[in-house]
Amino acid sequence: MRIFWGILGGLSVLYCLALFFAGGYGSRFFLIWGIFGIFCLAWAKWGKRIAGHFSSGMRKGMKCLIGAGIGVFVLTEALILSGFLADGREGLDYIIVLGAQVKENGPSYVLQKRLDAAYAYLKDNPNTVVIVSGGQGSNEPATEARCMYDYLTEKGIEPERILMEEASENTVQNIRYSMKLFDWENASVGIVSNNFHVFRGVHLARAAGCREVCGIAAGSHPFYLPNNMLREFFGVVKDFLTGNLT
């Protein structure tokens, strides 16, 4: 087991460093890989000695707790993976593009993927209206909604087909504030986001009251996917515990 924890810790630290030097991660969440890696390396070196001070009952309790945590993690990640191939359905009344980071030169890679998926859907479904959702963060030059509006209109989407929601600061608000812009009780809705984010987006919309909602999955960068999947795990758990997901 010492070898296992050592390898796991080493790989986690290396991934953390790779994320740091690559940039483009959008937040400091990536540091969790370094923290976890250091813990694993420490456990590989001193874990057996530390565990020796625990009673057999405490060791069994810790094993049960760890096993339960692993089970929750695997189940949650499986649910997240279930949204990876979501392609919506034809003729939706509205699609909502969830916001993501905007940079000085335009949408981030993650946001551009969402916008390209939305553009493809809008071209194939000329009667669908799109809602672009996202406010302005402290490190962003404009609101995410404005950036998305400009991107889509430059690609030829008619301005009258685009509604902007510029006040939201997170995914829950993306959904709830966007729903104020249309008759959500009688409309079919598609949630456009990156594949790792679709499950949560769709189920947040359902929990908020949307009766006819589906996901439209955009791609994501393979290098950042482990970090995004781990971050999404915590997002799903948090929204479930706070009642945003049912």
Protein backbone atom coordinates (compact mmCIF):
# COMPACT_ATOMS: atom_id res chain seq x y z
CA MET A 1 0.00 0.00 0.00
CA ARG A 2 2.92 2.34 0.60
CA ILE A 3 3.82 2.08 -3.09
CA PHE A 4 0.20 2.78 -4.08
CA TRP A 5 -0.04 5.90 -1.93
CA GLY A 6 3.38 7.04 -3.09
CA ILE A 7 2.51 6.72 -6.78
CA LEU A 8 -0.91 8.36 -6.28
CA GLY A 9 0.66 11.22 -4.35
CA GLY A 10 3.42 11.74 -6.89
CA LEU A 11 1.02 11.81 -9.82
CA SER A 12 -1.30 14.25 -8.02
CA VAL A 13 1.54 16.66 -7.26
CA LEU A 14 2.82 16.45 -10.84
CA TYR A 15 -0.67 17.15 -12.22
CA CYS A 16 -1.00 20.15 -9.92
CA LEU A 17 2.32 21.52 -11.17
CA ALA A 18 1.34 20.84 -14.78
CA LEU A 19 -1.91 22.76 -14.31
CA PHE A 20 -0.04 25.65 -12.73
CA PHE A 21 2.48 25.98 -15.55
CA ALA A 22 -0.12 25.39 -18.29
CA GLY A 23 -2.44 28.09 -16.96
CA GLY A 24 -5.99 28.45 -18.23
CA TYR A 25 -7.48 26.73 -15.19
CA GLY A 26 -9.73 29.71 -14.31
CA SER A 27 -9.50 29.33 -10.52
CA ARG A 28 -7.22 28.07 -7.77
CA PHE A 29 -9.16 24.85 -7.35
CA PHE A 30 -6.28 23.00 -9.01
CA LEU A 31 -4.31 23.41 -5.75
CA ILE A 32 -6.42 20.60 -4.26
CA TRP A 33 -4.36 18.17 -6.35
CA GLY A 34 -1.18 19.37 -4.66
CA ILE A 35 -2.73 19.17 -1.19
CA PHE A 36 -4.05 15.68 -1.86
CA GLY A 37 -0.72 14.60 -3.32
CA ILE A 38 1.24 15.82 -0.30
CA PHE A 39 -1.19 14.00 2.00
CA CYS A 40 -0.76 10.76 0.03
CA LEU A 41 3.03 11.05 0.11
CA ALA A 42 2.97 11.71 3.85
CA TRP A 43 0.67 8.74 4.39
CA ALA A 44 2.94 6.52 2.33
CA LYS A 45 5.83 7.42 4.63
CA TRP A 46 4.16 7.65 8.05
CA GLY A 47 0.68 6.16 7.60
CA LYS A 48 1.48 2.72 9.03
CA ARG A 49 3.05 4.29 12.10
CA ILE A 50 0.09 6.63 12.63
CA ALA A 51 -2.49 3.86 12.14
CA GLY A 52 -0.67 1.80 14.76
CA HIS A 53 -1.83 4.26 17.43
CA PHE A 54 -5.51 3.67 16.56
CA SER A 55 -7.65 0.99 18.15
CA SER A 56 -9.03 -1.78 15.92
CA GLY A 57 -12.49 -0.22 16.19
CA MET A 58 -11.20 3.15 15.01
CA ARG A 59 -9.39 1.52 12.10
CA LYS A 60 -12.58 -0.27 11.05
CA GLY A 61 -14.55 2.95 11.36
CA MET A 62 -12.04 4.79 9.20
CA LYS A 63 -12.17 2.06 6.57
CA CYS A 64 -15.97 2.23 6.49
CA LEU A 65 -15.87 6.01 6.21
CA ILE A 66 -13.32 5.92 3.41
CA GLY A 67 -15.29 3.19 1.62
CA ALA A 68 -18.49 5.23 1.84
CA GLY A 69 -16.67 8.30 0.53
CA ILE A 70 -15.30 6.36 -2.41
CA GLY A 71 -18.77 5.01 -3.14
CA VAL A 72 -20.30 8.50 -3.15
CA PHE A 73 -17.49 9.74 -5.37
CA VAL A 74 -17.86 6.92 -7.93
CA LEU A 75 -21.66 7.26 -8.04
CA THR A 76 -21.49 11.04 -8.48
CA GLU A 77 -18.88 10.80 -11.22
CA ALA A 78 -21.04 8.20 -13.01
CA LEU A 79 -23.97 10.63 -12.92
CA ILE A 80 -21.75 13.40 -14.28
CA LEU A 81 -20.58 11.09 -17.09
CA SER A 82 -24.22 10.40 -18.01
CA GLY A 83 -24.43 13.90 -19.49
CA PHE A 84 -21.41 13.58 -21.77
CA LEU A 85 -23.34 12.45 -24.85
CA ALA A 86 -26.40 14.68 -24.41
CA ASP A 87 -27.35 16.18 -27.78
CA GLY A 88 -30.73 17.70 -26.96
CA ARG A 89 -33.59 17.28 -29.36
CA GLU A 90 -34.83 19.20 -32.36
CA GLY A 91 -37.16 22.16 -32.16
CA LEU A 92 -36.57 23.37 -28.61
CA ASP A 93 -38.20 26.69 -27.77
CA TYR A 94 -35.16 27.98 -25.90
CA ILE A 95 -31.59 27.01 -25.17
CA ILE A 96 -29.63 28.47 -22.25
CA VAL A 97 -25.86 28.81 -22.60
CA LEU A 98 -24.30 28.72 -19.15
CA GLY A 99 -21.59 31.27 -18.51
CA ALA A 100 -17.87 30.67 -18.11
CA GLN A 101 -14.73 32.79 -17.93
CA VAL A 102 -14.22 35.67 -20.34
CA LYS A 103 -10.69 36.82 -21.16
CA GLU A 104 -9.34 40.06 -22.59
CA ASN A 105 -9.33 38.61 -26.10
CA GLY A 106 -12.78 36.99 -25.89
CA PRO A 107 -14.33 33.80 -24.54
CA SER A 108 -12.14 31.25 -22.78
CA TYR A 109 -11.64 27.82 -24.35
CA VAL A 110 -14.41 26.37 -22.16
CA LEU A 111 -16.87 29.11 -23.06
CA GLN A 112 -16.03 28.98 -26.76
CA LYS A 113 -16.85 25.27 -26.78
CA ARG A 114 -20.27 26.04 -25.32
CA LEU A 115 -20.87 28.81 -27.83
CA ASP A 116 -19.88 26.64 -30.79
CA ALA A 117 -22.32 23.95 -29.64
CA ALA A 118 -25.04 26.57 -29.27
CA TYR A 119 -24.27 28.02 -32.70
CA ALA A 120 -24.50 24.61 -34.35
CA TYR A 121 -27.85 23.96 -32.69
CA LEU A 122 -29.23 27.40 -33.62
CA LYS A 123 -28.24 26.95 -37.26
CA ASP A 124 -30.12 23.64 -37.39
CA ASN A 125 -33.14 25.00 -35.48
CA PRO A 126 -33.95 28.48 -36.82
CA ASN A 127 -36.96 29.01 -34.54
CA THR A 128 -35.08 28.44 -31.30
CA VAL A 129 -34.24 31.44 -29.10
CA VAL A 130 -30.98 31.44 -27.13
CA ILE A 131 -30.42 32.89 -23.66
CA VAL A 132 -26.80 33.74 -22.88
CA SER A 133 -26.27 33.81 -19.13
CA GLY A 134 -23.48 35.22 -16.99
CA GLY A 135 -22.44 38.37 -15.16
CA GLN A 136 -19.02 40.02 -14.91
CA GLY A 137 -16.37 38.66 -12.59
CA SER A 138 -13.66 40.77 -11.03
CA ASN A 139 -11.11 39.44 -13.53
CA GLU A 140 -13.31 39.77 -16.62
CA PRO A 141 -13.41 42.71 -19.07
CA ALA A 142 -17.16 42.42 -19.74
CA THR A 143 -20.16 40.37 -18.71
CA GLU A 144 -20.10 36.79 -19.91
CA ALA A 145 -23.52 37.33 -21.52
CA ARG A 146 -22.26 40.31 -23.56
CA CYS A 147 -19.23 38.36 -24.74
CA MET A 148 -21.47 35.47 -25.79
CA TYR A 149 -23.88 37.83 -27.55
CA ASP A 150 -21.03 39.39 -29.53
CA TYR A 151 -19.58 35.98 -30.44
CA LEU A 152 -22.88 34.60 -31.72
CA THR A 153 -23.88 37.71 -33.66
CA GLU A 154 -20.45 37.84 -35.31
CA LYS A 155 -21.04 34.27 -36.49
CA GLY A 156 -24.38 35.30 -38.02
CA ILE A 157 -27.02 34.58 -35.38
CA GLU A 158 -29.74 37.24 -35.54
CA PRO A 159 -29.70 39.61 -32.54
CA GLU A 160 -33.45 39.22 -32.04
CA ARG A 161 -32.92 35.52 -31.31
CA ILE A 162 -30.60 36.27 -28.38
CA LEU A 163 -31.69 37.21 -24.86
CA MET A 164 -29.07 38.32 -22.34
CA GLU A 165 -29.00 37.58 -18.61
CA GLU A 166 -26.13 39.61 -17.14
CA ALA A 167 -26.55 39.35 -13.35
CA SER A 168 -25.77 35.73 -12.45
CA GLU A 169 -22.58 34.71 -10.65
CA ASN A 170 -22.85 30.90 -10.57
CA THR A 171 -24.62 27.99 -12.23
CA VAL A 172 -27.66 28.09 -9.94
CA GLN A 173 -28.19 31.76 -10.75
CA ASN A 174 -27.52 31.11 -14.47
CA ILE A 175 -30.54 28.82 -14.48
CA ARG A 176 -32.89 30.74 -12.19
CA TYR A 177 -32.24 34.20 -13.60
CA SER A 178 -32.54 32.93 -17.18
CA MET A 179 -35.89 31.34 -16.37
CA LYS A 180 -37.25 34.81 -15.57
CA LEU A 181 -36.87 35.77 -19.23
CA PHE A 182 -39.40 33.33 -20.68
CA ASP A 183 -42.51 31.30 -19.88
CA TRP A 184 -40.60 28.31 -18.53
CA GLU A 185 -43.74 26.46 -17.45
CA ASN A 186 -44.83 26.00 -21.06
CA ALA A 187 -41.51 25.90 -22.92
CA SER A 188 -39.04 23.23 -23.95
CA VAL A 189 -35.51 24.10 -22.89
CA GLY A 190 -32.00 22.91 -23.67
CA ILE A 191 -29.09 23.53 -21.30
CA VAL A 192 -25.84 24.10 -23.21
CA SER A 193 -22.59 23.50 -21.35
CA ASN A 194 -19.43 21.44 -21.46
CA ASN A 195 -19.91 17.69 -21.15
CA PHE A 196 -18.76 17.54 -17.51
CA HIS A 197 -21.23 20.30 -16.55
CA VAL A 198 -24.38 19.14 -18.35
CA PHE A 199 -25.72 16.77 -15.69
CA ARG A 200 -25.75 19.46 -13.01
CA GLY A 201 -27.16 22.12 -15.32
CA VAL A 202 -30.08 19.96 -16.44
CA HIS A 203 -30.96 18.81 -12.92
CA LEU A 204 -30.73 22.33 -11.53
CA ALA A 205 -33.26 23.39 -14.16
CA ARG A 206 -35.56 20.50 -13.27
CA ALA A 207 -35.31 21.28 -9.58
CA ALA A 208 -36.17 24.92 -10.37
CA GLY A 209 -39.36 23.84 -12.12
CA CYS A 210 -38.58 23.29 -15.81
CA ARG A 211 -40.77 20.40 -16.93
CA GLU A 212 -39.33 19.84 -20.40
CA VAL A 213 -35.57 20.20 -20.26
CA CYS A 214 -32.62 18.38 -21.83
CA GLY A 215 -28.88 18.82 -22.14
CA ILE A 216 -26.70 19.80 -25.09
CA ALA A 217 -23.11 18.79 -24.40
CA ALA A 218 -20.14 20.73 -25.72
CA GLY A 219 -16.62 19.36 -25.70
CA SER A 220 -13.86 19.96 -23.17
CA HIS A 221 -10.06 19.90 -23.11
CA PRO A 222 -8.74 16.41 -22.19
CA PHE A 223 -5.84 17.83 -20.17
CA TYR A 224 -8.12 19.83 -17.87
CA LEU A 225 -10.86 17.19 -17.72
CA PRO A 226 -9.66 15.42 -14.51
CA ASN A 227 -9.59 18.78 -12.72
CA ASN A 228 -13.01 19.72 -14.10
CA MET A 229 -14.50 16.36 -13.14
CA LEU A 230 -13.21 16.64 -9.58
CA ARG A 231 -14.44 20.20 -9.25
CA GLU A 232 -17.82 19.18 -10.63
CA PHE A 233 -18.06 16.42 -8.03
CA PHE A 234 -17.89 19.02 -5.28
CA GLY A 235 -20.38 21.20 -7.17
CA VAL A 236 -22.94 18.40 -7.41
CA VAL A 237 -22.53 17.45 -3.74
CA LYS A 238 -22.83 21.08 -2.63
CA ASP A 239 -25.98 21.68 -4.67
CA PHE A 240 -27.52 18.45 -3.41
CA LEU A 241 -26.80 19.30 0.23
CA THR A 242 -28.16 22.85 -0.17
CA GLY A 243 -31.37 21.64 -1.83
CA ASN A 244 -30.66 22.99 -5.32
CA LEU A 245 -30.63 19.45 -6.73
CA THR A 246 -33.33 16.87 -6.12
